């Protein structure tokens, strides 16, 4: 069944280079603000032109692939747009991943030119010009490489969070992550400022995962929006202007977003798809998406495996739908397990545990059991070091059936992360056999 949402027939405005356009109409407006100083849109345009010259001397042509291993910087932003000006594809890689994994990524991408790391060149031509190659989050295994066209990324940025030129968005997420790219594109298209240091007093917008929000406790006088997503979100009371969001690499970032919504049936309901996106629920509750912002396909064996233009993409996320309040995200299809013949979605249990005072992080995983096959095991990081399984059982009993209540508990230090998300696979390998 197709749920209410915008039609996929919308068209995306042609945008040659947003930095060049911004330089023409607001050359002196601040584009990039770092501890070292600020760049105007005119400065950023000139820096982009410098990188175009660099790529030209490296004999980059339309369809070539470039791989970059740079930290977040003004040069990396300019380099992305320089590649697109030349109709080349650019892959942004995490400089902190182990060298072997980095080389595995490069072996898949086979770039003609690399910056930040020496690697053999390849004459690969990409039929999809002006694209971005990003590793997916890889929550259930080896990350895939998604190919996103510049036009789909622009469509996502144009129809997400409204900005004005005086706004300032903290670039708290790296550019090898689609959410970091989203911040940059939203700001440039709106002529707003990208801020690289968190103490800047004029910050108006933030993008956080729940763990960052807990650690940072941001205080800014002009704060308009805290975009929160990327992981299960605890129920909380906060004076901050929080917007809860759902997105994925394969859709160029945001699909749903809403100012902190009401709680229905113990879930955050995120409303209806943003402009240019569509959502449907499969019979088993899996979320399928498509629209202007959808990616072109994955890179496999040095070839883009394309997805037909109007095809649906199965996200492996499980959702629900309310006619008045829209969609809610229940968890990952991959994480579901069976206890005594009953399906358990661990994120449902986790969200209830996160309501318990003192609990900072919580993960529920399956543990083998002779009677039930699997049973839920809770691993918790809490400021209350004396919290017990009996207390958790007492707290959860009004909300959950007996088979969903954890049968064992481990108190842990801060849980291991993969990027900003809790590394569920590592936790499973550590605790499931105990």
Protein backbone atom coordinates (compact mmCIF):
# COMPACT_ATOMS: atom_id res chain seq x y z
CA UNK A 1 0.00 0.00 0.00
CA UNK A 2 1.31 3.42 -0.96
CA UNK A 3 1.13 5.88 1.90
CA UNK A 4 0.35 9.60 1.36
CA UNK A 5 3.31 11.55 0.05
CA UNK A 6 4.54 13.79 -2.78
CA UNK A 7 4.55 12.49 -6.31
CA UNK A 8 7.81 11.38 -7.89
CA UNK A 9 6.99 13.57 -10.91
CA UNK A 10 8.53 16.72 -9.38
CA UNK A 11 11.53 18.11 -11.25
CA UNK A 12 14.79 19.38 -9.80
CA UNK A 13 16.02 22.85 -10.79
CA UNK A 14 19.25 22.70 -12.77
CA UNK A 15 22.10 23.94 -10.61
CA UNK A 16 25.47 24.26 -12.32
CA UNK A 17 27.52 25.21 -9.25
CA UNK A 18 25.84 26.68 -6.16
CA UNK A 19 29.15 28.19 -4.99
CA UNK A 20 29.57 30.07 -8.28
CA UNK A 21 25.97 31.28 -8.07
CA UNK A 22 26.41 32.38 -4.45
CA UNK A 23 29.59 34.24 -5.42
CA UNK A 24 27.64 36.16 -8.05
CA UNK A 25 24.75 37.28 -5.84
CA UNK A 26 26.30 37.36 -2.32
CA UNK A 27 30.07 37.41 -2.78
CA UNK A 28 30.81 39.06 0.57
CA UNK A 29 28.47 36.90 2.69
CA UNK A 30 30.21 34.53 5.09
CA UNK A 31 30.21 30.97 3.76
CA UNK A 32 32.65 29.13 6.01
CA UNK A 33 33.65 30.07 9.56
CA UNK A 34 36.48 28.25 11.33
CA UNK A 35 38.81 28.98 14.26
CA UNK A 36 41.35 30.20 11.69
CA UNK A 37 38.97 32.79 10.22
CA UNK A 38 36.11 33.13 7.75
CA UNK A 39 35.70 32.71 4.01
CA UNK A 40 33.11 34.59 1.98
CA UNK A 41 31.26 32.95 -0.89
CA UNK A 42 33.59 34.86 -3.20
CA UNK A 43 36.60 33.37 -1.38
CA UNK A 44 35.10 29.88 -1.55
CA UNK A 45 34.44 30.28 -5.26
CA UNK A 46 38.06 31.26 -5.87
CA UNK A 47 39.28 28.30 -3.79
CA UNK A 48 37.04 26.00 -5.83
CA UNK A 49 38.51 27.42 -9.04
CA UNK A 50 41.99 26.73 -7.65
CA UNK A 51 41.05 23.07 -7.17
CA UNK A 52 39.58 22.96 -10.68
CA UNK A 53 43.00 24.05 -11.97
CA UNK A 54 44.66 21.38 -9.82
CA UNK A 55 42.39 18.65 -11.20
CA UNK A 56 42.89 19.93 -14.73
CA UNK A 57 46.66 19.60 -14.34
CA UNK A 58 46.05 16.06 -13.03
CA UNK A 59 44.28 15.42 -16.36
CA UNK A 60 40.89 14.77 -14.79
CA UNK A 61 38.07 14.61 -17.33
CA UNK A 62 34.30 14.12 -17.27
CA UNK A 63 33.42 10.71 -15.87
CA UNK A 64 36.71 10.19 -14.03
CA UNK A 65 36.69 9.12 -10.39
CA UNK A 66 38.60 10.98 -7.68
CA UNK A 67 39.16 9.64 -4.16
CA UNK A 68 39.89 12.00 -1.28
CA UNK A 69 41.22 11.21 2.19
CA UNK A 70 41.03 14.67 3.78
CA UNK A 71 39.79 15.85 7.16
CA UNK A 72 36.85 18.25 7.13
CA UNK A 73 38.12 21.58 5.84
CA UNK A 74 37.43 24.41 3.43
CA UNK A 75 39.63 22.64 0.89
CA UNK A 76 37.54 19.47 1.03
CA UNK A 77 34.33 21.46 0.48
CA UNK A 78 35.90 23.30 -2.47
CA UNK A 79 37.26 20.05 -3.88
CA UNK A 80 33.81 18.44 -3.97
CA UNK A 81 32.45 21.28 -6.08
CA UNK A 82 35.60 21.41 -8.20
CA UNK A 83 35.07 17.76 -9.13
CA UNK A 84 31.44 18.44 -10.01
CA UNK A 85 32.38 21.46 -12.12
CA UNK A 86 34.53 19.08 -14.15
CA UNK A 87 31.67 16.52 -14.27
CA UNK A 88 33.81 14.04 -12.37
CA UNK A 89 32.80 11.70 -9.54
CA UNK A 90 34.33 12.07 -6.09
CA UNK A 91 34.63 9.54 -3.26
CA UNK A 92 35.18 10.89 0.25
CA UNK A 93 36.82 8.39 2.57
CA UNK A 94 37.18 8.36 6.34
CA UNK A 95 40.81 9.21 7.19
CA UNK A 96 40.49 7.43 10.54
CA UNK A 97 39.66 3.94 9.29
CA UNK A 98 42.44 1.32 9.27
CA UNK A 99 44.75 1.45 6.27
CA UNK A 100 43.75 -2.03 5.07
CA UNK A 101 40.06 -1.11 5.04
CA UNK A 102 40.89 2.15 3.29
CA UNK A 103 42.73 0.26 0.56
CA UNK A 104 39.79 -2.13 0.22
CA UNK A 105 37.53 0.85 -0.43
CA UNK A 106 39.96 2.21 -3.00
CA UNK A 107 40.15 -1.19 -4.68
CA UNK A 108 36.36 -1.05 -5.13
CA UNK A 109 36.35 2.55 -6.34
CA UNK A 110 39.45 2.31 -8.59
CA UNK A 111 39.96 6.08 -8.85
CA UNK A 112 41.94 7.77 -11.57
CA UNK A 113 43.37 10.19 -9.00
CA UNK A 114 43.72 10.22 -5.21
CA UNK A 115 44.42 13.04 -2.79
CA UNK A 116 45.66 12.40 0.73
CA UNK A 117 46.94 8.88 0.01
CA UNK A 118 49.18 7.34 -2.59
CA UNK A 119 47.33 4.72 -4.64
CA UNK A 120 47.69 3.28 -8.17
CA UNK A 121 45.61 5.08 -10.79
CA UNK A 122 42.94 3.45 -12.97
CA UNK A 123 41.39 4.66 -16.24
CA UNK A 124 37.84 3.98 -15.02
CA UNK A 125 35.11 6.08 -16.62
CA UNK A 126 31.86 6.63 -14.73
CA UNK A 127 28.69 6.94 -16.82
CA UNK A 128 27.06 8.97 -14.03
CA UNK A 129 28.71 12.40 -14.12
CA UNK A 130 28.86 14.80 -11.17
CA UNK A 131 28.33 12.14 -8.54
CA UNK A 132 29.36 11.41 -4.98
CA UNK A 133 30.51 7.98 -3.80
CA UNK A 134 29.86 7.34 -0.10
CA UNK A 135 30.18 4.28 2.11
CA UNK A 136 26.92 3.31 3.79
CA UNK A 137 26.81 2.99 7.56
CA UNK A 138 27.20 -0.77 7.30
CA UNK A 139 25.12 -1.46 10.42
CA UNK A 140 24.77 -5.14 9.58
CA UNK A 141 27.97 -5.98 7.75
CA UNK A 142 30.51 -4.65 5.25
CA UNK A 143 29.59 -1.13 4.08
CA UNK A 144 28.47 -0.72 0.49
CA UNK A 145 29.42 2.17 -1.77
CA UNK A 146 26.38 4.21 -2.79
CA UNK A 147 26.46 6.45 -5.86
CA UNK A 148 24.48 9.67 -5.49
CA UNK A 149 24.12 12.21 -8.28
CA UNK A 150 24.74 15.86 -7.48
CA UNK A 151 21.18 16.65 -8.62
CA UNK A 152 19.65 14.19 -6.13
CA UNK A 153 21.75 15.66 -3.31
CA UNK A 154 20.69 19.19 -4.30
CA UNK A 155 17.04 18.05 -4.30
CA UNK A 156 17.42 16.72 -0.76
CA UNK A 157 19.06 19.93 0.45
CA UNK A 158 16.54 22.23 -1.23
CA UNK A 159 13.56 20.57 0.39
CA UNK A 160 14.56 19.85 3.98
CA UNK A 161 15.21 22.50 6.65
CA UNK A 162 14.46 26.14 5.68
CA UNK A 163 17.45 28.46 6.11
CA UNK A 164 18.17 32.17 5.61
CA UNK A 165 21.58 33.82 4.92
CA UNK A 166 22.06 34.90 8.54
CA UNK A 167 21.77 31.31 9.80
CA UNK A 168 24.85 29.41 10.97
CA UNK A 169 24.99 25.58 10.95
CA UNK A 170 27.66 23.76 12.97
CA UNK A 171 29.40 21.18 10.78
CA UNK A 172 29.45 18.57 13.56
CA UNK A 173 29.32 15.60 11.16
CA UNK A 174 32.12 14.62 8.75
CA UNK A 175 31.89 14.87 4.97
CA UNK A 176 32.35 11.13 4.41
CA UNK A 177 28.86 10.88 5.94
CA UNK A 178 25.78 11.91 3.95
CA UNK A 179 24.49 14.01 6.85
CA UNK A 180 27.65 16.13 6.77
CA UNK A 181 27.23 16.63 3.01
CA UNK A 182 23.63 17.63 3.68
CA UNK A 183 24.69 20.41 6.05
CA UNK A 184 27.12 21.84 3.50
CA UNK A 185 24.65 21.78 0.60
CA UNK A 186 21.78 23.26 2.63
CA UNK A 187 23.95 26.15 3.76
CA UNK A 188 25.42 26.91 0.34
CA UNK A 189 22.06 26.76 -1.44
CA UNK A 190 20.53 29.09 1.17
CA UNK A 191 23.65 31.34 1.39
CA UNK A 192 23.92 30.48 5.09
CA UNK A 193 27.19 30.00 6.97
CA UNK A 194 28.95 26.67 7.65
CA UNK A 195 30.61 26.80 11.08
CA UNK A 196 33.50 24.53 12.03
CA UNK A 197 33.97 25.35 15.70
CA UNK A 198 31.35 24.70 18.33
CA UNK A 199 32.08 27.79 20.43
CA UNK A 200 30.94 30.22 17.75
CA UNK A 201 28.23 32.36 19.39
CA UNK A 202 26.04 32.77 16.28
CA UNK A 203 25.25 29.08 15.72
CA UNK A 204 21.57 28.62 14.88
CA UNK A 205 21.43 24.99 13.67
CA UNK A 206 22.91 21.69 14.87
CA UNK A 207 22.85 18.10 13.60
CA UNK A 208 23.33 15.49 16.32
CA UNK A 209 22.82 11.83 17.03
CA UNK A 210 21.31 11.20 20.49
CA UNK A 211 24.69 10.37 22.07
CA UNK A 212 26.13 13.72 20.93
CA UNK A 213 23.15 15.60 22.32
CA UNK A 214 23.61 13.92 25.70
CA UNK A 215 27.34 14.71 25.77
CA UNK A 216 27.26 18.23 24.39
CA UNK A 217 24.25 19.82 26.16
CA UNK A 218 24.39 22.73 23.67
CA UNK A 219 23.64 26.27 24.78
CA UNK A 220 23.41 28.90 22.03
CA UNK A 221 21.47 32.14 22.31
CA UNK A 222 20.17 32.06 18.73
CA UNK A 223 19.51 28.31 18.41
CA UNK A 224 16.62 27.55 16.02
CA UNK A 225 16.93 23.85 15.29
CA UNK A 226 18.62 20.74 16.67
CA UNK A 227 18.26 18.05 14.02
CA UNK A 228 18.28 14.70 15.85
CA UNK A 229 18.45 11.27 14.23
CA UNK A 230 20.68 8.39 13.17
CA UNK A 231 19.95 6.17 16.19
CA UNK A 232 17.09 5.19 18.54
CA UNK A 233 15.93 8.35 20.27
CA UNK A 234 15.13 8.28 23.99
CA UNK A 235 12.02 9.91 25.36
CA UNK A 236 13.07 13.17 26.94
CA UNK A 237 11.96 16.57 28.09
CA UNK A 238 14.10 19.36 26.69
CA UNK A 239 13.71 23.10 26.08
CA UNK A 240 15.84 22.78 22.93
CA UNK A 241 14.18 23.28 19.50
CA UNK A 242 14.54 19.61 18.55
CA UNK A 243 13.52 18.29 15.14
CA UNK A 244 13.51 14.50 14.92
CA UNK A 245 14.52 13.13 11.54
CA UNK A 246 14.80 9.88 9.61
CA UNK A 247 17.10 9.50 6.64
CA UNK A 248 19.58 7.23 4.93
CA UNK A 249 22.56 7.43 2.61
CA UNK A 250 20.60 5.91 -0.26
CA UNK A 251 18.11 8.81 -0.17
CA UNK A 252 20.72 11.57 0.04
CA UNK A 253 20.03 12.18 3.75
CA UNK A 254 16.62 13.29 5.08
CA UNK A 255 13.32 11.58 4.24
CA UNK A 256 11.19 12.58 7.24
CA UNK A 257 11.62 15.47 9.65
CA UNK A 258 9.39 17.09 12.22
CA UNK A 259 9.71 19.36 15.26
CA UNK A 260 9.64 17.15 18.34
CA UNK A 261 6.39 15.30 17.66
CA UNK A 262 3.82 13.82 20.01
CA UNK A 263 4.34 10.28 21.27
CA UNK A 264 1.77 7.79 20.03
CA UNK A 265 1.87 4.15 21.09
CA UNK A 266 5.30 4.77 22.68
CA UNK A 267 6.81 5.89 19.33
CA UNK A 268 7.87 9.21 17.85
CA UNK A 269 5.75 9.87 14.76
CA UNK A 270 7.71 11.88 12.20
CA UNK A 271 4.91 13.04 9.94
CA UNK A 272 4.86 12.65 6.17
CA UNK A 273 7.62 12.51 3.53
CA UNK A 274 9.43 15.70 2.63
CA UNK A 275 8.98 17.15 -0.86
CA UNK A 276 10.21 14.82 -3.60
CA UNK A 277 10.25 11.66 -1.45
CA UNK A 278 7.74 8.83 -1.27
CA UNK A 279 7.32 6.09 1.34
CA UNK A 280 5.37 2.86 1.36
CA UNK A 281 5.17 0.02 3.87
CA UNK A 282 5.57 -3.57 2.70
CA UNK A 283 3.33 -6.26 4.18
CA UNK A 284 5.89 -7.05 6.87
CA UNK A 285 6.22 -3.36 7.81
CA UNK A 286 9.50 -2.74 5.97
CA UNK A 287 9.91 0.84 4.76
CA UNK A 288 10.36 1.31 1.01
CA UNK A 289 11.38 4.68 -0.43
CA UNK A 290 11.84 6.40 -3.76
CA UNK A 291 11.80 9.89 -5.29
CA UNK A 292 14.02 12.66 -6.56
CA UNK A 293 16.59 12.19 -3.82
CA UNK A 294 17.11 8.45 -4.29
CA UNK A 295 20.59 7.21 -5.16
CA UNK A 296 21.57 5.75 -8.54
CA UNK A 297 22.77 2.39 -7.27
CA UNK A 298 25.68 0.63 -5.59
CA UNK A 299 29.21 0.28 -6.92
CA UNK A 300 29.97 -3.44 -7.29
CA UNK A 301 33.08 -4.86 -8.95
CA UNK A 302 33.92 -1.41 -10.27
CA UNK A 303 30.52 -1.14 -11.99
CA UNK A 304 27.48 0.88 -10.99
CA UNK A 305 24.56 -1.49 -10.56
CA UNK A 306 21.75 0.92 -11.51
CA UNK A 307 18.26 1.05 -10.04
CA UNK A 308 15.40 1.84 -12.44
CA UNK A 309 14.29 5.46 -12.15
CA UNK A 310 10.92 4.86 -10.49
CA UNK A 311 11.84 1.71 -8.55
CA UNK A 312 11.33 1.43 -4.79
CA UNK A 313 14.32 0.90 -2.50
CA UNK A 314 13.85 -1.48 0.44
CA UNK A 315 15.52 0.13 3.48
CA UNK A 316 15.47 -2.85 5.89
CA UNK A 317 13.94 -0.47 8.44
CA UNK A 318 10.61 -1.36 10.03
CA UNK A 319 7.96 1.33 10.39
CA UNK A 320 4.33 2.01 11.19
CA UNK A 321 1.82 4.56 9.92
CA UNK A 322 -0.82 6.69 11.61
CA UNK A 323 -3.22 8.61 9.32
CA UNK A 324 -3.04 11.76 11.45
CA UNK A 325 0.58 11.71 12.65
CA UNK A 326 2.36 9.94 9.80
CA UNK A 327 5.23 7.50 10.01
CA UNK A 328 7.15 6.09 12.96
CA UNK A 329 10.41 4.14 12.79
CA UNK A 330 10.35 0.96 14.85
CA UNK A 331 13.82 -0.46 14.19
CA UNK A 332 15.96 -2.54 11.84
CA UNK A 333 14.53 -5.60 10.17
CA UNK A 334 17.98 -7.19 10.55
CA UNK A 335 17.90 -6.84 14.35
CA UNK A 336 14.58 -8.63 14.86
CA UNK A 337 14.72 -12.03 16.59
CA UNK A 338 12.25 -14.67 17.79
CA UNK A 339 11.63 -15.60 21.42
CA UNK A 340 9.30 -18.55 21.98
CA UNK A 341 7.65 -18.01 18.59
CA UNK A 342 7.16 -14.24 19.12
CA UNK A 343 8.94 -11.55 17.10
CA UNK A 344 11.00 -9.12 19.14
CA UNK A 345 12.12 -5.74 17.80
CA UNK A 346 14.94 -4.81 20.21
CA UNK A 347 14.70 -1.06 19.54
CA UNK A 348 11.19 -1.07 21.06
CA UNK A 349 12.58 -2.43 24.33
CA UNK A 350 15.57 -0.08 24.20
CA UNK A 351 13.38 3.00 23.91
CA UNK A 352 11.49 2.01 27.06
CA UNK A 353 14.71 1.28 28.98
CA UNK A 354 16.01 4.73 28.00
CA UNK A 355 13.10 6.24 29.95
CA UNK A 356 14.58 4.91 33.21
CA UNK A 357 16.31 7.68 35.20
CA UNK A 358 20.09 7.41 34.94
CA UNK A 359 20.16 5.20 31.83
CA UNK A 360 22.35 6.82 29.18
CA UNK A 361 22.68 4.03 26.60
CA UNK A 362 20.89 0.72 26.13
CA UNK A 363 21.14 -2.15 23.67
CA UNK A 364 19.03 -5.32 23.66
CA UNK A 365 20.45 -8.36 21.89
CA UNK A 366 19.38 -12.01 21.51
CA UNK A 367 20.93 -14.58 23.82
CA UNK A 368 20.58 -18.32 23.12
CA UNK A 369 18.12 -20.10 25.35
CA UNK A 370 17.28 -23.85 25.46
CA UNK A 371 13.58 -23.26 26.14
CA UNK A 372 12.73 -20.22 24.00
CA UNK A 373 15.44 -20.33 21.32
CA UNK A 374 16.43 -16.75 22.03
CA UNK A 375 15.78 -14.42 24.94
CA UNK A 376 16.40 -10.66 25.28
CA UNK A 377 19.57 -9.55 27.03
CA UNK A 378 20.02 -5.89 27.99
CA UNK A 379 23.40 -4.13 28.05
CA UNK A 380 23.11 -0.75 29.76
CA UNK A 381 25.38 2.19 30.44
CA UNK A 382 23.90 4.08 33.39
CA UNK A 383 24.91 6.74 35.90
CA UNK A 384 23.07 4.60 38.48
CA UNK A 385 25.61 1.84 39.08
CA UNK A 386 23.29 -0.05 41.44
CA UNK A 387 20.44 -0.47 38.96
CA UNK A 388 19.20 -4.07 38.96
CA UNK A 389 17.33 -6.43 36.65
CA UNK A 390 14.42 -6.45 39.12
CA UNK A 391 14.14 -2.64 38.89
CA UNK A 392 14.17 -2.78 35.09
CA UNK A 393 11.57 -5.55 35.07
CA UNK A 394 9.34 -3.54 37.42
CA UNK A 395 9.68 -0.46 35.22
CA UNK A 396 8.99 -2.26 31.94
CA UNK A 397 6.08 -4.48 33.06
CA UNK A 398 3.35 -1.84 32.45
CA UNK A 399 4.61 -1.27 28.91
CA UNK A 400 5.75 -4.61 27.51
CA UNK A 401 4.55 -8.23 27.46
CA UNK A 402 6.55 -10.64 29.57
CA UNK A 403 8.44 -12.22 26.65
CA UNK A 404 9.90 -8.81 25.67
CA UNK A 405 11.28 -7.99 29.11
CA UNK A 406 15.05 -8.69 29.34
CA UNK A 407 15.93 -11.89 31.17
CA UNK A 408 19.52 -10.81 31.89
CA UNK A 409 21.34 -7.53 32.42
CA UNK A 410 24.92 -6.33 32.06
CA UNK A 411 26.06 -2.93 33.28
CA UNK A 412 28.73 -1.56 30.98
CA UNK A 413 30.92 1.50 30.48
CA UNK A 414 30.05 3.76 27.50
CA UNK A 415 29.08 1.37 24.73
CA UNK A 416 31.43 0.91 21.75
CA UNK A 417 30.67 3.10 18.73
CA UNK A 418 30.95 2.74 15.01
CA UNK A 419 31.18 6.37 13.99
CA UNK A 420 28.51 7.93 16.22
CA UNK A 421 26.23 4.93 16.36
CA UNK A 422 26.47 2.17 18.93
CA UNK A 423 28.29 -0.81 17.41
CA UNK A 424 25.60 -3.44 17.85
CA UNK A 425 27.58 -6.16 16.09
CA UNK A 426 30.54 -5.74 18.42
CA UNK A 427 28.25 -5.86 21.44
CA UNK A 428 26.58 -9.04 20.14
CA UNK A 429 29.95 -10.74 19.64
CA UNK A 430 31.03 -9.67 23.15
CA UNK A 431 27.94 -10.47 25.20
CA UNK A 432 25.68 -12.95 23.37
CA UNK A 433 27.56 -16.07 24.56
CA UNK A 434 27.82 -15.04 28.21
